[in-house]
Amino acid sequence: MKHSKTVSSFALLLSLLALLFLLSLSVGYAQSSLIDILNIPFGKASSAMVFIVTQIRLPRILACMLGGAALAVSGMLLQTLTKNPLADSGILGVNTGSGLVITIAIGLIDVSQPAGIRLLPLLAMFGGISTIFLVYLISRKTNHSISPTRLIITGVGLSSMLSGVMVSIISKLDNNKMDYVISWLSGTVSGDNWETLVLFTPILLVLLLLAYSRSHSLNIMNLNEHTALALGLHLKKERGIILILSTALASLSVVLVGNITFVGLVAGHITRQFLGSDHRITLPATMLTGMIILLAADTIGRVLLVGTGIPTGIIVSVIGAPYFLYLMTRLET
């Protein structure tokens, strides 16, 4: 019965993702249909349609899918690590650290120069990784393993401090640079080009596979600390590995989709509700759910809200914030 439920759940997720992929590929500013898309592999489509699909829509769709997968898996890893169902990459300051470095960089470089803009993704990764390293150093105690509670408190406190610094810097920027920073912080898809995808896709896929390889350890980490130690799990080492993997995934997602929150929170929690806590099942299911959420949000922004200029991250927040409040009320009762 459980096996049948798992198979049907994955079939549903894959079907939803496939349908959403085709829908997102066939709709946009330029008028097109599903028939036009299906004609492309057979060489029957116009050159304009081939360009629109292969150079504009497809890279953006793939960026959203990869970014959604990275954020979702990162969120689930953090939820298991901290034993907090409300954990997300933003809770440990990864997003804020990336945002602060991006803000400082934009204040120093000329945003009209392509060479400077290309450095921003790498700087965002550096900011996220540096922040989580700082959180770890502050929260650790000599001869003690990582405490999930201290990690969360330190992350929230440092994130608040960095947010204040970032707001102060933004207020000093000129209007052009301020608009650029706000656009990035709002979650504008920025990795929608083949150059970025070719560079970062292999790295993301390796990280996702490494995360899945820790499924057994993650299942043991769901138990209490004494039981996990009795079963032979090296908690300090495993927590360090999970922390590095989750941070790397969240930081790399910044390269593709900017500063987006709530995907990890929503995807991880929905998956656990329906499929339980076995990470061998929930990690790939969470990855698919994250892809669906981010791709759906981006498609809504591109198609239904044409001309509004609303970033994908804002749409995700509109979906995720009410769900976050719903989870809080459920945890309190």
C-alpha atoms as a PDB file:
ATOM      1  CA  MET A   1       0.000   0.000   0.000  1.00  0.00           C
ATOM      2  CA  LYS A   2       2.812   2.382   0.923  1.00  0.00           C
ATOM      3  CA  HIS A   3       4.758   1.453  -2.221  1.00  0.00           C
ATOM      4  CA  SER A   4       1.677   2.100  -4.357  1.00  0.00           C
ATOM      5  CA  LYS A   5       1.189   5.538  -2.749  1.00  0.00           C
ATOM      6  CA  THR A   6       4.839   6.439  -3.390  1.00  0.00           C
ATOM      7  CA  VAL A   7       4.686   5.395  -7.051  1.00  0.00           C
ATOM      8  CA  SER A   8       1.422   7.282  -7.635  1.00  0.00           C
ATOM      9  CA  SER A   9       2.837  10.392  -5.891  1.00  0.00           C
ATOM     10  CA  PHE A  10       5.937  10.427  -8.085  1.00  0.00           C
ATOM     11  CA  ALA A  11       3.815   9.801 -11.189  1.00  0.00           C
ATOM     12  CA  LEU A  12       1.635  12.778 -10.241  1.00  0.00           C
ATOM     13  CA  LEU A  13       4.642  15.052  -9.594  1.00  0.00           C
ATOM     14  CA  LEU A  14       6.349  14.080 -12.851  1.00  0.00           C
ATOM     15  CA  SER A  15       3.104  14.558 -14.801  1.00  0.00           C
ATOM     16  CA  LEU A  16       2.532  17.999 -13.261  1.00  0.00           C
ATOM     17  CA  LEU A  17       6.116  19.025 -14.007  1.00  0.00           C
ATOM     18  CA  ALA A  18       5.894  17.795 -17.621  1.00  0.00           C
ATOM     19  CA  LEU A  19       2.592  19.607 -18.221  1.00  0.00           C
ATOM     20  CA  LEU A  20       3.887  22.794 -16.622  1.00  0.00           C
ATOM     21  CA  PHE A  21       7.091  22.560 -18.688  1.00  0.00           C
ATOM     22  CA  LEU A  22       5.118  22.322 -21.944  1.00  0.00           C
ATOM     23  CA  LEU A  23       2.737  25.078 -20.863  1.00  0.00           C
ATOM     24  CA  SER A  24       5.575  27.421 -19.917  1.00  0.00           C
ATOM     25  CA  LEU A  25       7.383  26.613 -23.173  1.00  0.00           C
ATOM     26  CA  SER A  26       4.347  27.325 -25.337  1.00  0.00           C
ATOM     27  CA  VAL A  27       3.122  30.587 -23.790  1.00  0.00           C
ATOM     28  CA  GLY A  28       4.727  33.993 -23.493  1.00  0.00           C
ATOM     29  CA  TYR A  29       4.868  37.465 -24.993  1.00  0.00           C
ATOM     30  CA  ALA A  30       5.047  36.043 -28.530  1.00  0.00           C
ATOM     31  CA  GLN A  31       1.938  34.199 -29.658  1.00  0.00           C
ATOM     32  CA  SER A  32       2.549  30.475 -30.031  1.00  0.00           C
ATOM     33  CA  SER A  33       0.845  27.153 -29.403  1.00  0.00           C
ATOM     34  CA  LEU A  34       1.797  23.673 -28.310  1.00  0.00           C
ATOM     35  CA  ILE A  35       1.749  22.607 -31.985  1.00  0.00           C
ATOM     36  CA  ASP A  36       4.384  25.260 -32.775  1.00  0.00           C
ATOM     37  CA  ILE A  37       6.590  23.870 -29.998  1.00  0.00           C
ATOM     38  CA  LEU A  38       6.192  20.274 -31.176  1.00  0.00           C
ATOM     39  CA  ASN A  39       7.126  21.340 -34.719  1.00  0.00           C
ATOM     40  CA  ILE A  40      10.564  22.585 -33.627  1.00  0.00           C
ATOM     41  CA  PRO A  41      12.303  19.151 -33.367  1.00  0.00           C
ATOM     42  CA  PHE A  42      11.016  18.270 -36.861  1.00  0.00           C
ATOM     43  CA  GLY A  43      12.321  21.494 -38.410  1.00  0.00           C
ATOM     44  CA  LYS A  44       8.838  22.756 -39.296  1.00  0.00           C
ATOM     45  CA  ALA A  45       8.823  25.843 -37.074  1.00  0.00           C
ATOM     46  CA  SER A  46       9.814  29.333 -38.184  1.00  0.00           C
ATOM     47  CA  SER A  47      13.302  30.623 -37.386  1.00  0.00           C
ATOM     48  CA  ALA A  48      11.772  33.293 -35.111  1.00  0.00           C
ATOM     49  CA  MET A  49       9.914  30.659 -33.083  1.00  0.00           C
ATOM     50  CA  VAL A  50      13.044  28.480 -32.815  1.00  0.00           C
ATOM     51  CA  PHE A  51      15.000  31.473 -31.498  1.00  0.00           C
ATOM     52  CA  ILE A  52      12.297  32.436 -28.972  1.00  0.00           C
ATOM     53  CA  VAL A  53      11.989  28.907 -27.603  1.00  0.00           C
ATOM     54  CA  THR A  54      15.644  27.848 -27.569  1.00  0.00           C
ATOM     55  CA  GLN A  55      17.277  31.128 -26.580  1.00  0.00           C
ATOM     56  CA  ILE A  56      14.671  32.814 -24.364  1.00  0.00           C
ATOM     57  CA  ARG A  57      12.058  30.450 -22.929  1.00  0.00           C
ATOM     58  CA  LEU A  58      13.946  27.165 -22.539  1.00  0.00           C
ATOM     59  CA  PRO A  59      16.977  28.609 -20.645  1.00  0.00           C
ATOM     60  CA  ARG A  60      14.634  30.467 -18.283  1.00  0.00           C
ATOM     61  CA  ILE A  61      12.558  27.334 -17.643  1.00  0.00           C
ATOM     62  CA  LEU A  62      15.659  25.242 -16.944  1.00  0.00           C
ATOM     63  CA  ALA A  63      17.041  27.948 -14.623  1.00  0.00           C
ATOM     64  CA  CYS A  64      13.775  27.927 -12.643  1.00  0.00           C
ATOM     65  CA  MET A  65      13.717  24.129 -12.446  1.00  0.00           C
ATOM     66  CA  LEU A  66      17.326  23.862 -11.280  1.00  0.00           C
ATOM     67  CA  GLY A  67      16.959  26.781  -8.863  1.00  0.00           C
ATOM     68  CA  GLY A  68      13.742  25.323  -7.450  1.00  0.00           C
ATOM     69  CA  ALA A  69      15.350  21.900  -6.995  1.00  0.00           C
ATOM     70  CA  ALA A  70      18.386  23.392  -5.215  1.00  0.00           C
ATOM     71  CA  LEU A  71      16.277  25.554  -2.875  1.00  0.00           C
ATOM     72  CA  ALA A  72      13.884  22.704  -2.051  1.00  0.00           C
ATOM     73  CA  VAL A  73      16.608  20.182  -1.216  1.00  0.00           C
ATOM     74  CA  SER A  74      18.559  22.819   0.732  1.00  0.00           C
ATOM     75  CA  GLY A  75      15.450  23.575   2.785  1.00  0.00           C
ATOM     76  CA  MET A  76      14.804  19.919   3.584  1.00  0.00           C
ATOM     77  CA  LEU A  77      18.429  19.388   4.636  1.00  0.00           C
ATOM     78  CA  LEU A  78      18.221  22.378   6.971  1.00  0.00           C
ATOM     79  CA  GLN A  79      14.897  21.199   8.400  1.00  0.00           C
ATOM     80  CA  THR A  80      16.411  17.816   9.225  1.00  0.00           C
ATOM     81  CA  LEU A  81      19.615  19.362  10.570  1.00  0.00           C
ATOM     82  CA  THR A  82      17.833  21.797  12.875  1.00  0.00           C
ATOM     83  CA  LYS A  83      14.784  19.580  13.524  1.00  0.00           C
ATOM     84  CA  ASN A  84      12.724  22.661  12.719  1.00  0.00           C
ATOM     85  CA  PRO A  85       9.943  22.325  10.084  1.00  0.00           C
ATOM     86  CA  LEU A  86      10.103  26.107   9.500  1.00  0.00           C
ATOM     87  CA  ALA A  87      13.791  26.129   8.509  1.00  0.00           C
ATOM     88  CA  ASP A  88      14.822  27.578   5.157  1.00  0.00           C
ATOM     89  CA  SER A  89      18.021  28.920   3.581  1.00  0.00           C
ATOM     90  CA  GLY A  90      17.023  32.395   4.785  1.00  0.00           C
ATOM     91  CA  ILE A  91      16.921  31.332   8.447  1.00  0.00           C
ATOM     92  CA  LEU A  92      20.701  30.865   8.640  1.00  0.00           C
ATOM     93  CA  GLY A  93      21.503  34.092   6.816  1.00  0.00           C
ATOM     94  CA  VAL A  94      22.587  32.555   3.487  1.00  0.00           C
ATOM     95  CA  ASN A  95      20.299  34.813   1.426  1.00  0.00           C
ATOM     96  CA  THR A  96      21.092  37.913   3.478  1.00  0.00           C
ATOM     97  CA  GLY A  97      24.838  37.313   3.221  1.00  0.00           C
ATOM     98  CA  SER A  98      24.572  36.940  -0.540  1.00  0.00           C
ATOM     99  CA  GLY A  99      22.425  40.075  -0.742  1.00  0.00           C
ATOM    100  CA  LEU A 100      24.868  42.154   1.306  1.00  0.00           C
ATOM    101  CA  VAL A 101      27.845  41.220  -0.870  1.00  0.00           C
ATOM    102  CA  ILE A 102      25.806  41.899  -4.026  1.00  0.00           C
ATOM    103  CA  THR A 103      24.768  45.305  -2.656  1.00  0.00           C
ATOM    104  CA  ILE A 104      28.363  46.279  -1.812  1.00  0.00           C
ATOM    105  CA  ALA A 105      29.570  45.084  -5.226  1.00  0.00           C
ATOM    106  CA  ILE A 106      26.910  47.022  -7.134  1.00  0.00           C
ATOM    107  CA  GLY A 107      27.831  50.130  -5.164  1.00  0.00           C
ATOM    108  CA  LEU A 108      31.431  49.779  -6.349  1.00  0.00           C
ATOM    109  CA  ILE A 109      31.066  48.612  -9.976  1.00  0.00           C
ATOM    110  CA  ASP A 110      29.468  50.036 -13.088  1.00  0.00           C
ATOM    111  CA  VAL A 111      26.290  47.978 -13.643  1.00  0.00           C
ATOM    112  CA  SER A 112      26.265  48.958 -17.315  1.00  0.00           C
ATOM    113  CA  GLN A 113      29.466  46.961 -17.918  1.00  0.00           C
ATOM    114  CA  PRO A 114      28.860  43.232 -18.699  1.00  0.00           C
ATOM    115  CA  ALA A 115      32.218  42.211 -17.205  1.00  0.00           C
ATOM    116  CA  GLY A 116      31.225  43.511 -13.786  1.00  0.00           C
ATOM    117  CA  ILE A 117      27.756  41.958 -13.913  1.00  0.00           C
ATOM    118  CA  ARG A 118      29.216  38.514 -14.656  1.00  0.00           C
ATOM    119  CA  LEU A 119      31.061  38.600 -11.324  1.00  0.00           C
ATOM    120  CA  LEU A 120      27.877  39.081  -9.287  1.00  0.00           C
ATOM    121  CA  PRO A 121      26.849  35.387  -9.172  1.00  0.00           C
ATOM    122  CA  LEU A 122      30.268  34.376  -7.854  1.00  0.00           C
ATOM    123  CA  LEU A 123      30.167  37.183  -5.302  1.00  0.00           C
ATOM    124  CA  ALA A 124      26.694  36.062  -4.208  1.00  0.00           C
ATOM    125  CA  MET A 125      28.021  32.539  -3.620  1.00  0.00           C
ATOM    126  CA  PHE A 126      30.966  33.940  -1.671  1.00  0.00           C
ATOM    127  CA  GLY A 127      28.589  35.991   0.510  1.00  0.00           C
ATOM    128  CA  GLY A 128      26.333  33.023   1.300  1.00  0.00           C
ATOM    129  CA  ILE A 129      29.180  30.646   2.111  1.00  0.00           C
ATOM    130  CA  SER A 130      31.027  33.260   4.194  1.00  0.00           C
ATOM    131  CA  THR A 131      27.891  34.011   6.211  1.00  0.00           C
ATOM    132  CA  ILE A 132      27.174  30.374   7.050  1.00  0.00           C
ATOM    133  CA  PHE A 133      30.840  29.897   7.997  1.00  0.00           C
ATOM    134  CA  LEU A 134      30.557  32.883  10.349  1.00  0.00           C
ATOM    135  CA  VAL A 135      27.318  31.506  11.808  1.00  0.00           C
ATOM    136  CA  TYR A 136      29.052  28.193  12.425  1.00  0.00           C
ATOM    137  CA  LEU A 137      32.061  29.812  14.112  1.00  0.00           C
ATOM    138  CA  ILE A 138      29.879  31.924  16.425  1.00  0.00           C
ATOM    139  CA  SER A 139      27.520  29.083  17.369  1.00  0.00           C
ATOM    140  CA  ARG A 140      30.078  26.324  17.932  1.00  0.00           C
ATOM    141  CA  LYS A 141      31.528  25.378  21.291  1.00  0.00           C
ATOM    142  CA  THR A 142      34.899  23.766  21.830  1.00  0.00           C
ATOM    143  CA  ASN A 143      34.672  19.950  22.111  1.00  0.00           C
ATOM    144  CA  HIS A 144      30.935  20.052  21.347  1.00  0.00           C
ATOM    145  CA  SER A 145      29.008  19.076  18.211  1.00  0.00           C
ATOM    146  CA  ILE A 146      26.935  21.594  16.277  1.00  0.00           C
ATOM    147  CA  SER A 147      23.837  22.560  18.244  1.00  0.00           C
ATOM    148  CA  PRO A 148      20.818  23.055  15.935  1.00  0.00           C
ATOM    149  CA  THR A 149      19.253  25.510  18.410  1.00  0.00           C
ATOM    150  CA  ARG A 150      22.380  27.681  18.653  1.00  0.00           C
ATOM    151  CA  LEU A 151      22.714  27.509  14.874  1.00  0.00           C
ATOM    152  CA  ILE A 152      19.194  28.881  14.331  1.00  0.00           C
ATOM    153  CA  ILE A 153      19.496  31.636  16.952  1.00  0.00           C
ATOM    154  CA  THR A 154      22.877  32.730  15.601  1.00  0.00           C
ATOM    155  CA  GLY A 155      21.613  32.623  12.011  1.00  0.00           C
ATOM    156  CA  VAL A 156      18.543  34.729  12.743  1.00  0.00           C
ATOM    157  CA  GLY A 157      20.547  37.262  14.768  1.00  0.00           C
ATOM    158  CA  LEU A 158      23.308  37.614  12.177  1.00  0.00           C
ATOM    159  CA  SER A 159      20.746  37.801   9.361  1.00  0.00           C
ATOM    160  CA  SER A 160      18.973  40.693  11.117  1.00  0.00           C
ATOM    161  CA  MET A 161      22.244  42.553  11.602  1.00  0.00           C
ATOM    162  CA  LEU A 162      23.317  42.075   7.970  1.00  0.00           C
ATOM    163  CA  SER A 163      19.868  43.183   6.762  1.00  0.00           C
ATOM    164  CA  GLY A 164      20.271  46.448   8.650  1.00  0.00           C
ATOM    165  CA  VAL A 165      23.692  47.015   7.092  1.00  0.00           C
ATOM    166  CA  MET A 166      22.310  46.207   3.635  1.00  0.00           C
ATOM    167  CA  VAL A 167      19.431  48.678   3.965  1.00  0.00           C
ATOM    168  CA  SER A 168      21.889  51.384   5.021  1.00  0.00           C
ATOM    169  CA  ILE A 169      24.058  50.753   1.964  1.00  0.00           C
ATOM    170  CA  ILE A 170      21.073  50.658  -0.428  1.00  0.00           C
ATOM    171  CA  SER A 171      19.902  54.049   0.810  1.00  0.00           C
ATOM    172  CA  LYS A 172      23.250  55.557  -0.290  1.00  0.00           C
ATOM    173  CA  LEU A 173      23.098  54.218  -3.869  1.00  0.00           C
ATOM    174  CA  ASP A 174      21.915  56.191  -6.882  1.00  0.00           C
ATOM    175  CA  ASN A 175      18.499  55.354  -8.346  1.00  0.00           C
ATOM    176  CA  ASN A 176      19.833  53.151 -11.156  1.00  0.00           C
ATOM    177  CA  LYS A 177      21.898  50.968  -8.846  1.00  0.00           C
ATOM    178  CA  MET A 178      19.153  50.919  -6.214  1.00  0.00           C
ATOM    179  CA  ASP A 179      16.668  49.564  -8.773  1.00  0.00           C
ATOM    180  CA  TYR A 180      19.158  46.875  -9.794  1.00  0.00           C
ATOM    181  CA  VAL A 181      19.701  45.713  -6.194  1.00  0.00           C
ATOM    182  CA  ILE A 182      15.978  45.720  -5.373  1.00  0.00           C
ATOM    183  CA  SER A 183      15.277  43.740  -8.549  1.00  0.00           C
ATOM    184  CA  TRP A 184      17.825  41.093  -7.547  1.00  0.00           C
ATOM    185  CA  LEU A 185      16.667  40.962  -3.919  1.00  0.00           C
ATOM    186  CA  SER A 186      13.069  40.510  -5.120  1.00  0.00           C
ATOM    187  CA  GLY A 187      13.995  37.254  -6.854  1.00  0.00           C
ATOM    188  CA  THR A 188      14.421  38.095 -10.528  1.00  0.00           C
ATOM    189  CA  VAL A 189      15.546  35.100 -12.608  1.00  0.00           C
ATOM    190  CA  SER A 190      19.079  36.010 -13.681  1.00  0.00           C
ATOM    191  CA  GLY A 191      20.615  32.730 -14.864  1.00  0.00           C
ATOM    192  CA  ASP A 192      18.385  32.374 -17.930  1.00  0.00           C
ATOM    193  CA  ASN A 193      21.191  31.995 -20.474  1.00  0.00           C
ATOM    194  CA  TRP A 194      23.029  28.963 -21.806  1.00  0.00           C
ATOM    195  CA  GLU A 195      26.453  30.210 -20.661  1.00  0.00           C
ATOM    196  CA  THR A 196      25.404  30.256 -16.995  1.00  0.00           C
ATOM    197  CA  LEU A 197      23.463  26.982 -17.275  1.00  0.00           C
ATOM    198  CA  VAL A 198      26.352  25.073 -18.867  1.00  0.00           C
ATOM    199  CA  LEU A 199      28.709  26.317 -16.155  1.00  0.00           C
ATOM    200  CA  PHE A 200      26.574  25.670 -13.073  1.00  0.00           C
ATOM    201  CA  THR A 201      24.262  22.762 -13.988  1.00  0.00           C
ATOM    202  CA  PRO A 202      26.936  20.042 -13.545  1.00  0.00           C
ATOM    203  CA  ILE A 203      27.895  21.477 -10.143  1.00  0.00           C
ATOM    204  CA  LEU A 204      24.273  21.581  -8.984  1.00  0.00           C
ATOM    205  CA  LEU A 205      23.619  18.026 -10.182  1.00  0.00           C
ATOM    206  CA  VAL A 206      26.678  16.739  -8.300  1.00  0.00           C
ATOM    207  CA  LEU A 207      25.533  18.526  -5.122  1.00  0.00           C
ATOM    208  CA  LEU A 208      22.009  17.088  -5.459  1.00  0.00           C
ATOM    209  CA  LEU A 209      23.443  13.578  -5.871  1.00  0.00           C
ATOM    210  CA  LEU A 210      25.693  14.093  -2.835  1.00  0.00           C
ATOM    211  CA  ALA A 211      22.672  15.249  -0.825  1.00  0.00           C
ATOM    212  CA  TYR A 212      20.758  12.111  -1.830  1.00  0.00           C
ATOM    213  CA  SER A 213      23.740   9.943  -0.867  1.00  0.00           C
ATOM    214  CA  ARG A 214      23.282  11.152   2.743  1.00  0.00           C
ATOM    215  CA  SER A 215      19.699   9.811   2.894  1.00  0.00           C
ATOM    216  CA  HIS A 216      20.545   7.043   5.364  1.00  0.00           C
ATOM    217  CA  SER A 217      22.379   9.438   7.688  1.00  0.00           C
ATOM    218  CA  LEU A 218      19.515  11.946   7.444  1.00  0.00           C
ATOM    219  CA  ASN A 219      17.024   9.256   8.448  1.00  0.00           C
ATOM    220  CA  ILE A 220      19.096   8.480  11.550  1.00  0.00           C
ATOM    221  CA  MET A 221      19.411  12.212  12.326  1.00  0.00           C
ATOM    222  CA  ASN A 222      15.605  12.343  12.548  1.00  0.00           C
ATOM    223  CA  LEU A 223      15.918  10.249  15.720  1.00  0.00           C
ATOM    224  CA  ASN A 224      17.042  11.716  19.032  1.00  0.00           C
ATOM    225  CA  GLU A 225      20.733  12.412  19.516  1.00  0.00           C
ATOM    226  CA  HIS A 226      21.430   9.496  21.885  1.00  0.00           C
ATOM    227  CA  THR A 227      19.806   6.974  19.558  1.00  0.00           C
ATOM    228  CA  ALA A 228      21.715   8.345  16.572  1.00  0.00           C
ATOM    229  CA  LEU A 229      25.022   8.011  18.454  1.00  0.00           C
ATOM    230  CA  ALA A 230      24.099   4.497  19.601  1.00  0.00           C
ATOM    231  CA  LEU A 231      23.515   3.516  15.962  1.00  0.00           C
ATOM    232  CA  GLY A 232      27.072   4.587  15.166  1.00  0.00           C
ATOM    233  CA  LEU A 233      26.387   7.882  13.400  1.00  0.00           C
ATOM    234  CA  HIS A 234      29.179  10.449  13.665  1.00  0.00           C
ATOM    235  CA  LEU A 235      26.824  13.366  14.394  1.00  0.00           C
ATOM    236  CA  LYS A 236      29.414  16.140  14.357  1.00  0.00           C
ATOM    237  CA  LYS A 237      30.778  15.052  10.993  1.00  0.00           C
ATOM    238  CA  GLU A 238      27.346  14.457   9.420  1.00  0.00           C
ATOM    239  CA  ARG A 239      25.964  17.790  10.619  1.00  0.00           C
ATOM    240  CA  GLY A 240      28.970  19.533   9.112  1.00  0.00           C
ATOM    241  CA  ILE A 241      28.485  17.765   5.765  1.00  0.00           C
ATOM    242  CA  ILE A 242      24.742  18.542   5.683  1.00  0.00           C
ATOM    243  CA  LEU A 243      25.420  22.180   6.552  1.00  0.00           C
ATOM    244  CA  ILE A 244      27.963  22.519   3.731  1.00  0.00           C
ATOM    245  CA  LEU A 245      25.686  20.823   1.191  1.00  0.00           C
ATOM    246  CA  SER A 246      22.626  22.905   2.094  1.00  0.00           C
ATOM    247  CA  THR A 247      24.626  26.143   1.998  1.00  0.00           C
ATOM    248  CA  ALA A 248      26.245  25.305  -1.339  1.00  0.00           C
ATOM    249  CA  LEU A 249      22.854  24.475  -2.890  1.00  0.00           C
ATOM    250  CA  ALA A 250      21.232  27.663  -1.577  1.00  0.00           C
ATOM    251  CA  SER A 251      24.185  29.823  -2.647  1.00  0.00           C
ATOM    252  CA  LEU A 252      24.286  28.342  -6.149  1.00  0.00           C
ATOM    253  CA  SER A 253      20.534  28.840  -6.556  1.00  0.00           C
ATOM    254  CA  VAL A 254      21.216  32.570  -6.135  1.00  0.00           C
ATOM    255  CA  VAL A 255      23.184  32.450  -9.396  1.00  0.00           C
ATOM    256  CA  LEU A 256      20.111  31.224 -11.296  1.00  0.00           C
ATOM    257  CA  VAL A 257      17.057  32.750  -9.614  1.00  0.00           C
ATOM    258  CA  GLY A 258      18.282  35.548  -7.372  1.00  0.00           C
ATOM    259  CA  ASN A 259      17.143  35.952  -3.778  1.00  0.00           C
ATOM    260  CA  ILE A 260      14.106  33.660  -3.385  1.00  0.00           C
ATOM    261  CA  THR A 261      12.782  32.296  -0.089  1.00  0.00           C
ATOM    262  CA  PHE A 262       9.961  29.962   1.022  1.00  0.00           C
ATOM    263  CA  VAL A 263      10.547  27.338  -1.720  1.00  0.00           C
ATOM    264  CA  GLY A 264      12.502  25.072   0.649  1.00  0.00           C
ATOM    265  CA  LEU A 265      10.002  25.600   3.456  1.00  0.00           C
ATOM    266  CA  VAL A 266       6.895  24.858   1.386  1.00  0.00           C
ATOM    267  CA  ALA A 267       8.316  22.031  -0.755  1.00  0.00           C
ATOM    268  CA  GLY A 268       9.867  20.181   2.186  1.00  0.00           C
ATOM    269  CA  HIS A 269       6.805  20.394   4.385  1.00  0.00           C
ATOM    270  CA  ILE A 270       4.320  19.385   1.679  1.00  0.00           C
ATOM    271  CA  THR A 271       6.450  16.355   0.782  1.00  0.00           C
ATOM    272  CA  ARG A 272       6.705  15.199   4.397  1.00  0.00           C
ATOM    273  CA  GLN A 273       2.944  15.555   4.852  1.00  0.00           C
ATOM    274  CA  PHE A 274       2.220  13.147   2.007  1.00  0.00           C
ATOM    275  CA  LEU A 275       5.241  10.829   1.888  1.00  0.00           C
ATOM    276  CA  GLY A 276       6.583  10.667   5.448  1.00  0.00           C
ATOM    277  CA  SER A 277      10.150  11.224   6.594  1.00  0.00           C
ATOM    278  CA  ASP A 278      12.188   8.630   4.674  1.00  0.00           C
ATOM    279  CA  HIS A 279      14.747  10.796   2.869  1.00  0.00           C
ATOM    280  CA  ARG A 280      15.289   8.168   0.175  1.00  0.00           C
ATOM    281  CA  ILE A 281      11.776   9.088  -0.982  1.00  0.00           C
ATOM    282  CA  THR A 282      11.274  12.635   0.269  1.00  0.00           C
ATOM    283  CA  LEU A 283      14.479  14.163  -1.143  1.00  0.00           C
ATOM    284  CA  PRO A 284      13.676  13.430  -4.812  1.00  0.00           C
ATOM    285  CA  ALA A 285       9.990  14.243  -4.205  1.00  0.00           C
ATOM    286  CA  THR A 286      10.959  17.558  -2.594  1.00  0.00           C
ATOM    287  CA  MET A 287      13.223  18.334  -5.543  1.00  0.00           C
ATOM    288  CA  LEU A 288      10.323  17.808  -7.985  1.00  0.00           C
ATOM    289  CA  THR A 289       7.975  19.866  -5.795  1.00  0.00           C
ATOM    290  CA  GLY A 290      10.483  22.742  -5.671  1.00  0.00           C
ATOM    291  CA  MET A 291      10.764  22.661  -9.458  1.00  0.00           C
ATOM    292  CA  ILE A 292       6.971  22.802  -9.814  1.00  0.00           C
ATOM    293  CA  ILE A 293       6.545  25.677  -7.323  1.00  0.00           C
ATOM    294  CA  LEU A 294       9.215  27.922  -8.853  1.00  0.00           C
ATOM    295  CA  LEU A 295       8.299  27.136 -12.460  1.00  0.00           C
ATOM    296  CA  ALA A 296       4.610  27.772 -11.733  1.00  0.00           C
ATOM    297  CA  ALA A 297       5.424  31.105 -10.049  1.00  0.00           C
ATOM    298  CA  ASP A 298       7.633  32.174 -12.952  1.00  0.00           C
ATOM    299  CA  THR A 299       5.018  31.160 -15.537  1.00  0.00           C
ATOM    300  CA  ILE A 300       2.349  33.151 -13.694  1.00  0.00           C
ATOM    301  CA  GLY A 301       4.623  36.193 -13.636  1.00  0.00           C
ATOM    302  CA  ARG A 302       5.547  35.869 -17.315  1.00  0.00           C
ATOM    303  CA  VAL A 303       2.105  35.123 -18.711  1.00  0.00           C
ATOM    304  CA  LEU A 304      -0.720  36.227 -16.408  1.00  0.00           C
ATOM    305  CA  LEU A 305       1.000  39.350 -15.090  1.00  0.00           C
ATOM    306  CA  VAL A 306       2.482  40.570 -18.383  1.00  0.00           C
ATOM    307  CA  GLY A 307       3.725  44.163 -18.168  1.00  0.00           C
ATOM    308  CA  THR A 308       3.672  44.347 -14.363  1.00  0.00           C
ATOM    309  CA  GLY A 309       7.378  43.558 -13.966  1.00  0.00           C
ATOM    310  CA  ILE A 310       6.678  41.548 -10.798  1.00  0.00           C
ATOM    311  CA  PRO A 311       9.726  39.332 -10.032  1.00  0.00           C
ATOM    312  CA  THR A 312       9.301  35.589  -9.540  1.00  0.00           C
ATOM    313  CA  GLY A 313      10.442  35.872  -5.913  1.00  0.00           C
ATOM    314  CA  ILE A 314       7.520  38.159  -5.057  1.00  0.00           C
ATOM    315  CA  ILE A 315       5.024  35.638  -6.443  1.00  0.00           C
ATOM    316  CA  VAL A 316       6.686  32.826  -4.466  1.00  0.00           C
ATOM    317  CA  SER A 317       6.462  34.952  -1.314  1.00  0.00           C
ATOM    318  CA  VAL A 318       2.752  35.604  -1.919  1.00  0.00           C
ATOM    319  CA  ILE A 319       2.277  31.827  -2.012  1.00  0.00           C
ATOM    320  CA  GLY A 320       4.765  30.953   0.725  1.00  0.00           C
ATOM    321  CA  ALA A 321       4.045  33.578   3.394  1.00  0.00           C
ATOM    322  CA  PRO A 322       0.437  32.460   4.085  1.00  0.00           C
ATOM    323  CA  TYR A 323       1.628  28.844   4.170  1.00  0.00           C
ATOM    324  CA  PHE A 324       4.357  29.819   6.650  1.00  0.00           C
ATOM    325  CA  LEU A 325       1.758  31.467   8.926  1.00  0.00           C
ATOM    326  CA  TYR A 326      -0.461  28.395   8.586  1.00  0.00           C
ATOM    327  CA  LEU A 327       2.423  26.155   9.700  1.00  0.00           C
ATOM    328  CA  MET A 328       3.147  28.416  12.673  1.00  0.00           C
ATOM    329  CA  THR A 329      -0.453  28.214  13.882  1.00  0.00           C
ATOM    330  CA  ARG A 330      -0.430  24.436  13.500  1.00  0.00           C
ATOM    331  CA  LEU A 331       2.816  24.093  15.464  1.00  0.00           C
ATOM    332  CA  GLU A 332       1.442  26.233  18.286  1.00  0.00           C
ATOM    333  CA  THR A 333      -1.782  24.207  18.658  1.00  0.00           C
END
